[in-house]
C-alpha atoms as a PDB file:
ATOM      1  CA  MET A   1     297.330  74.672 186.908  1.00  0.00           C
ATOM      2  CA  SER A   2     297.674  73.631 183.513  1.00  0.00           C
ATOM      3  CA  SER A   3     293.618  74.841 181.474  1.00  0.00           C
ATOM      4  CA  ASN A   4     293.588  71.012 180.591  1.00  0.00           C
ATOM      5  CA  SER A   5     293.503  69.783 183.537  1.00  0.00           C
ATOM      6  CA  ILE A   6     290.141  71.232 185.074  1.00  0.00           C
ATOM      7  CA  GLN A   7     287.393  68.935 185.052  1.00  0.00           C
ATOM      8  CA  ASN A   8     284.104  70.554 185.172  1.00  0.00           C
ATOM      9  CA  LEU A   9     281.706  68.021 186.013  1.00  0.00           C
ATOM     10  CA  TYR A  10     278.755  70.723 186.940  1.00  0.00           C
ATOM     11  CA  THR A  11     277.281  74.211 187.273  1.00  0.00           C
ATOM     12  CA  ALA A  12     273.769  74.672 188.098  1.00  0.00           C
ATOM     13  CA  GLN A  13     271.954  77.518 185.964  1.00  0.00           C
ATOM     14  CA  THR A  14     269.999  80.169 187.858  1.00  0.00           C
ATOM     15  CA  ARG A  15     267.507  83.091 187.730  1.00  0.00           C
ATOM     16  CA  THR A  16     266.283  85.593 190.327  1.00  0.00           C
ATOM     17  CA  THR A  17     264.666  88.565 189.742  1.00  0.00           C
ATOM     18  CA  GLY A  18     263.069  90.741 192.240  1.00  0.00           C
ATOM     19  CA  GLY A  19     266.095  90.124 194.896  1.00  0.00           C
ATOM     20  CA  ARG A  20     265.276  90.515 198.735  1.00  0.00           C
ATOM     21  CA  ASP A  21     262.044  90.159 197.849  1.00  0.00           C
ATOM     22  CA  GLY A  22     261.783  88.110 194.436  1.00  0.00           C
ATOM     23  CA  ARG A  23     262.058  84.283 192.940  1.00  0.00           C
ATOM     24  CA  GLY A  24     265.297  82.013 192.727  1.00  0.00           C
ATOM     25  CA  GLN A  25     264.327  79.290 189.762  1.00  0.00           C
ATOM     26  CA  SER A  26     266.597  77.407 188.417  1.00  0.00           C
ATOM     27  CA  GLY A  27     267.327  76.564 184.802  1.00  0.00           C
ATOM     28  CA  ASP A  28     265.607  72.312 184.666  1.00  0.00           C
ATOM     29  CA  GLY A  29     263.250  73.625 186.908  1.00  0.00           C
ATOM     30  CA  GLN A  30     264.021  71.775 189.732  1.00  0.00           C
ATOM     31  CA  LEU A  31     264.217  74.916 191.881  1.00  0.00           C
ATOM     32  CA  ASP A  32     261.717  77.464 192.392  1.00  0.00           C
ATOM     33  CA  VAL A  33     261.955  79.882 195.737  1.00  0.00           C
ATOM     34  CA  LEU A  34     260.482  82.954 196.498  1.00  0.00           C
ATOM     35  CA  LEU A  35     262.148  84.445 198.866  1.00  0.00           C
ATOM     36  CA  SER A  36     262.655  87.735 201.172  1.00  0.00           C
ATOM     37  CA  PRO A  37     264.445  89.521 203.197  1.00  0.00           C
ATOM     38  CA  PRO A  38     265.612  87.729 207.111  1.00  0.00           C
ATOM     39  CA  GLY A  39     263.226  87.399 209.975  1.00  0.00           C
ATOM     40  CA  SER A  40     260.490  89.523 207.439  1.00  0.00           C
ATOM     41  CA  SER A  41     256.493  88.028 208.208  1.00  0.00           C
ATOM     42  CA  ARG A  42     256.949  87.799 203.717  1.00  0.00           C
ATOM     43  CA  PRO A  43     256.921  84.250 202.727  1.00  0.00           C
ATOM     44  CA  GLY A  44     260.213  82.839 200.821  1.00  0.00           C
ATOM     45  CA  THR A  45     264.308  81.607 201.606  1.00  0.00           C
ATOM     46  CA  ASN A  46     266.305  83.779 201.991  1.00  0.00           C
ATOM     47  CA  PRO A  47     270.233  84.329 200.989  1.00  0.00           C
ATOM     48  CA  GLU A  48     271.531  83.070 204.200  1.00  0.00           C
ATOM     49  CA  GLN A  49     269.923  80.072 204.158  1.00  0.00           C
ATOM     50  CA  LEU A  50     270.153  79.132 201.046  1.00  0.00           C
ATOM     51  CA  PHE A  51     273.766  79.108 201.260  1.00  0.00           C
ATOM     52  CA  ALA A  52     273.482  77.890 204.980  1.00  0.00           C
ATOM     53  CA  VAL A  53     271.702  74.758 203.490  1.00  0.00           C
ATOM     54  CA  GLY A  54     274.160  74.153 200.312  1.00  0.00           C
ATOM     55  CA  TRP A  55     277.526  73.880 203.054  1.00  0.00           C
ATOM     56  CA  SER A  56     275.993  71.817 204.895  1.00  0.00           C
ATOM     57  CA  ALA A  57     275.675  69.234 202.013  1.00  0.00           C
ATOM     58  CA  CYS A  58     278.530  69.831 200.571  1.00  0.00           C
ATOM     59  CA  PHE A  59     280.638  69.597 204.086  1.00  0.00           C
ATOM     60  CA  MET A  60     278.288  66.121 204.486  1.00  0.00           C
ATOM     61  CA  GLY A  61     279.905  65.463 201.418  1.00  0.00           C
ATOM     62  CA  ALA A  62     282.885  65.884 201.771  1.00  0.00           C
ATOM     63  CA  MET A  63     283.095  64.075 205.106  1.00  0.00           C
ATOM     64  CA  GLY A  64     281.237  60.675 203.261  1.00  0.00           C
ATOM     65  CA  LEU A  65     284.533  60.999 200.588  1.00  0.00           C
ATOM     66  CA  ALA A  66     287.455  62.014 203.447  1.00  0.00           C
ATOM     67  CA  ALA A  67     285.656  57.995 205.504  1.00  0.00           C
ATOM     68  CA  GLN A  68     285.851  56.468 202.875  1.00  0.00           C
ATOM     69  CA  ALA A  69     289.940  57.283 202.114  1.00  0.00           C
ATOM     70  CA  THR A  70     290.289  56.717 206.151  1.00  0.00           C
ATOM     71  CA  GLY A  71     288.759  53.529 206.480  1.00  0.00           C
ATOM     72  CA  VAL A  72     285.744  54.721 208.691  1.00  0.00           C
ATOM     73  CA  LYS A  73     282.373  54.406 208.413  1.00  0.00           C
ATOM     74  CA  LEU A  74     280.054  57.758 208.916  1.00  0.00           C
ATOM     75  CA  PRO A  75     277.676  56.869 211.554  1.00  0.00           C
ATOM     76  CA  ALA A  76     273.622  56.743 209.819  1.00  0.00           C
ATOM     77  CA  ASP A  77     273.002  59.248 211.621  1.00  0.00           C
ATOM     78  CA  THR A  78     275.675  62.375 211.141  1.00  0.00           C
ATOM     79  CA  HIS A  79     274.211  65.285 210.171  1.00  0.00           C
ATOM     80  CA  VAL A  80     275.841  69.062 209.851  1.00  0.00           C
ATOM     81  CA  ASP A  81     274.092  71.906 211.727  1.00  0.00           C
ATOM     82  CA  ALA A  82     274.865  75.522 209.356  1.00  0.00           C
ATOM     83  CA  GLU A  83     274.693  78.770 210.743  1.00  0.00           C
ATOM     84  CA  VAL A  84     275.115  81.572 208.386  1.00  0.00           C
ATOM     85  CA  SER A  85     275.336  85.277 209.763  1.00  0.00           C
ATOM     86  CA  LEU A  86     274.727  88.206 207.434  1.00  0.00           C
ATOM     87  CA  ARG A  87     276.028  90.661 210.459  1.00  0.00           C
ATOM     88  CA  ARG A  88     277.315  95.097 209.625  1.00  0.00           C
ATOM     89  CA  SER A  89     279.767  96.824 210.950  1.00  0.00           C
ATOM     90  CA  ASP A  90     280.604 100.459 210.670  1.00  0.00           C
ATOM     91  CA  ALA A  91     284.127  99.669 208.906  1.00  0.00           C
ATOM     92  CA  ASP A  92     283.665  97.449 206.958  1.00  0.00           C
ATOM     93  CA  GLY A  93     279.342  97.027 205.598  1.00  0.00           C
ATOM     94  CA  TYR A  94     277.455  94.059 205.527  1.00  0.00           C
ATOM     95  CA  PHE A  95     279.764  90.862 205.239  1.00  0.00           C
ATOM     96  CA  LEU A  96     278.572  86.776 206.557  1.00  0.00           C
ATOM     97  CA  ALA A  97     279.824  84.515 209.095  1.00  0.00           C
ATOM     98  CA  ALA A  98     278.980  80.715 209.518  1.00  0.00           C
ATOM     99  CA  THR A  99     279.715  78.306 211.884  1.00  0.00           C
ATOM    100  CA  LEU A 100     279.186  74.060 211.440  1.00  0.00           C
ATOM    101  CA  LYS A 101     277.863  72.269 213.767  1.00  0.00           C
ATOM    102  CA  ILE A 102     278.774  68.529 212.809  1.00  0.00           C
ATOM    103  CA  ALA A 103     277.322  65.289 214.947  1.00  0.00           C
ATOM    104  CA  LEU A 104     279.648  62.335 214.796  1.00  0.00           C
ATOM    105  CA  PRO A 105     277.123  60.081 217.200  1.00  0.00           C
ATOM    106  CA  GLY A 106     279.851  56.571 218.102  1.00  0.00           C
ATOM    107  CA  LEU A 107     283.243  57.698 217.127  1.00  0.00           C
ATOM    108  CA  PRO A 108     285.518  58.776 218.476  1.00  0.00           C
ATOM    109  CA  ARG A 109     286.231  62.601 219.072  1.00  0.00           C
ATOM    110  CA  ASP A 110     289.594  62.335 217.443  1.00  0.00           C
ATOM    111  CA  THR A 111     288.467  60.256 214.741  1.00  0.00           C
ATOM    112  CA  GLY A 112     285.465  63.155 214.173  1.00  0.00           C
ATOM    113  CA  HIS A 113     287.691  65.930 214.565  1.00  0.00           C
ATOM    114  CA  ALA A 114     290.448  64.233 211.728  1.00  0.00           C
ATOM    115  CA  LEU A 115     287.055  63.648 209.054  1.00  0.00           C
ATOM    116  CA  ILE A 116     285.907  67.497 209.934  1.00  0.00           C
ATOM    117  CA  GLN A 117     290.023  69.028 209.640  1.00  0.00           C
ATOM    118  CA  ARG A 118     289.971  66.857 205.949  1.00  0.00           C
ATOM    119  CA  ALA A 119     286.626  66.992 204.771  1.00  0.00           C
ATOM    120  CA  HIS A 120     287.543  71.270 205.760  1.00  0.00           C
ATOM    121  CA  GLU A 121     290.144  71.628 203.136  1.00  0.00           C
ATOM    122  CA  THR A 122     288.683  70.040 200.441  1.00  0.00           C
ATOM    123  CA  CYS A 123     284.670  70.800 200.544  1.00  0.00           C
ATOM    124  CA  PRO A 124     284.278  73.884 197.226  1.00  0.00           C
ATOM    125  CA  TYR A 125     282.062  75.595 200.289  1.00  0.00           C
ATOM    126  CA  SER A 126     285.110  75.389 202.171  1.00  0.00           C
ATOM    127  CA  LYS A 127     287.306  76.623 199.980  1.00  0.00           C
ATOM    128  CA  MET A 128     285.713  79.714 198.817  1.00  0.00           C
ATOM    129  CA  SER A 129     284.680  81.051 202.191  1.00  0.00           C
ATOM    130  CA  ARG A 130     288.352  80.264 203.347  1.00  0.00           C
ATOM    131  CA  GLY A 131     290.173  83.944 204.550  1.00  0.00           C
ATOM    132  CA  ASN A 132     286.793  85.634 203.299  1.00  0.00           C
ATOM    133  CA  ILE A 133     284.882  84.730 206.257  1.00  0.00           C
ATOM    134  CA  GLU A 134     284.836  84.228 209.534  1.00  0.00           C
ATOM    135  CA  VAL A 135     284.555  80.239 209.850  1.00  0.00           C
ATOM    136  CA  SER A 136     283.577  77.784 212.455  1.00  0.00           C
ATOM    137  CA  LEU A 137     283.433  74.192 212.830  1.00  0.00           C
ATOM    138  CA  GLU A 138     282.289  72.600 215.793  1.00  0.00           C
ATOM    139  CA  LEU A 139     282.189  68.472 216.631  1.00  0.00           C
ATOM    140  CA  LEU A 140     279.053  67.840 219.250  1.00  0.00           C
END
């Protein structure tokens, strides 16, 4: 693909200080979060939660585009529950795994599966994860 065919739609700018015990802020001031390690009782969120929210929101957008392209109306109560697990092994050190649980109430299951597959092919988060982490997609 030539560089002339690439169109940059948006660039997020953030600054994080203190790592998992710090703070993350966006350049436009819309995001300002305290960070804390997973499972700690300290105030704040963790990178795995932020990744899960970002991926589920992006995936819902991709499902909306897939539905529009195929003439399907997404149910109003469509939702994605994302689970992002931080794991560790002796061989690989730290790594992530993810499960997206997708609810498409009222849609026939075959239609739901088709939308999920199409969304997984086009969602930028899914593309980023493909071949890099274990991903499970579940139609509820």
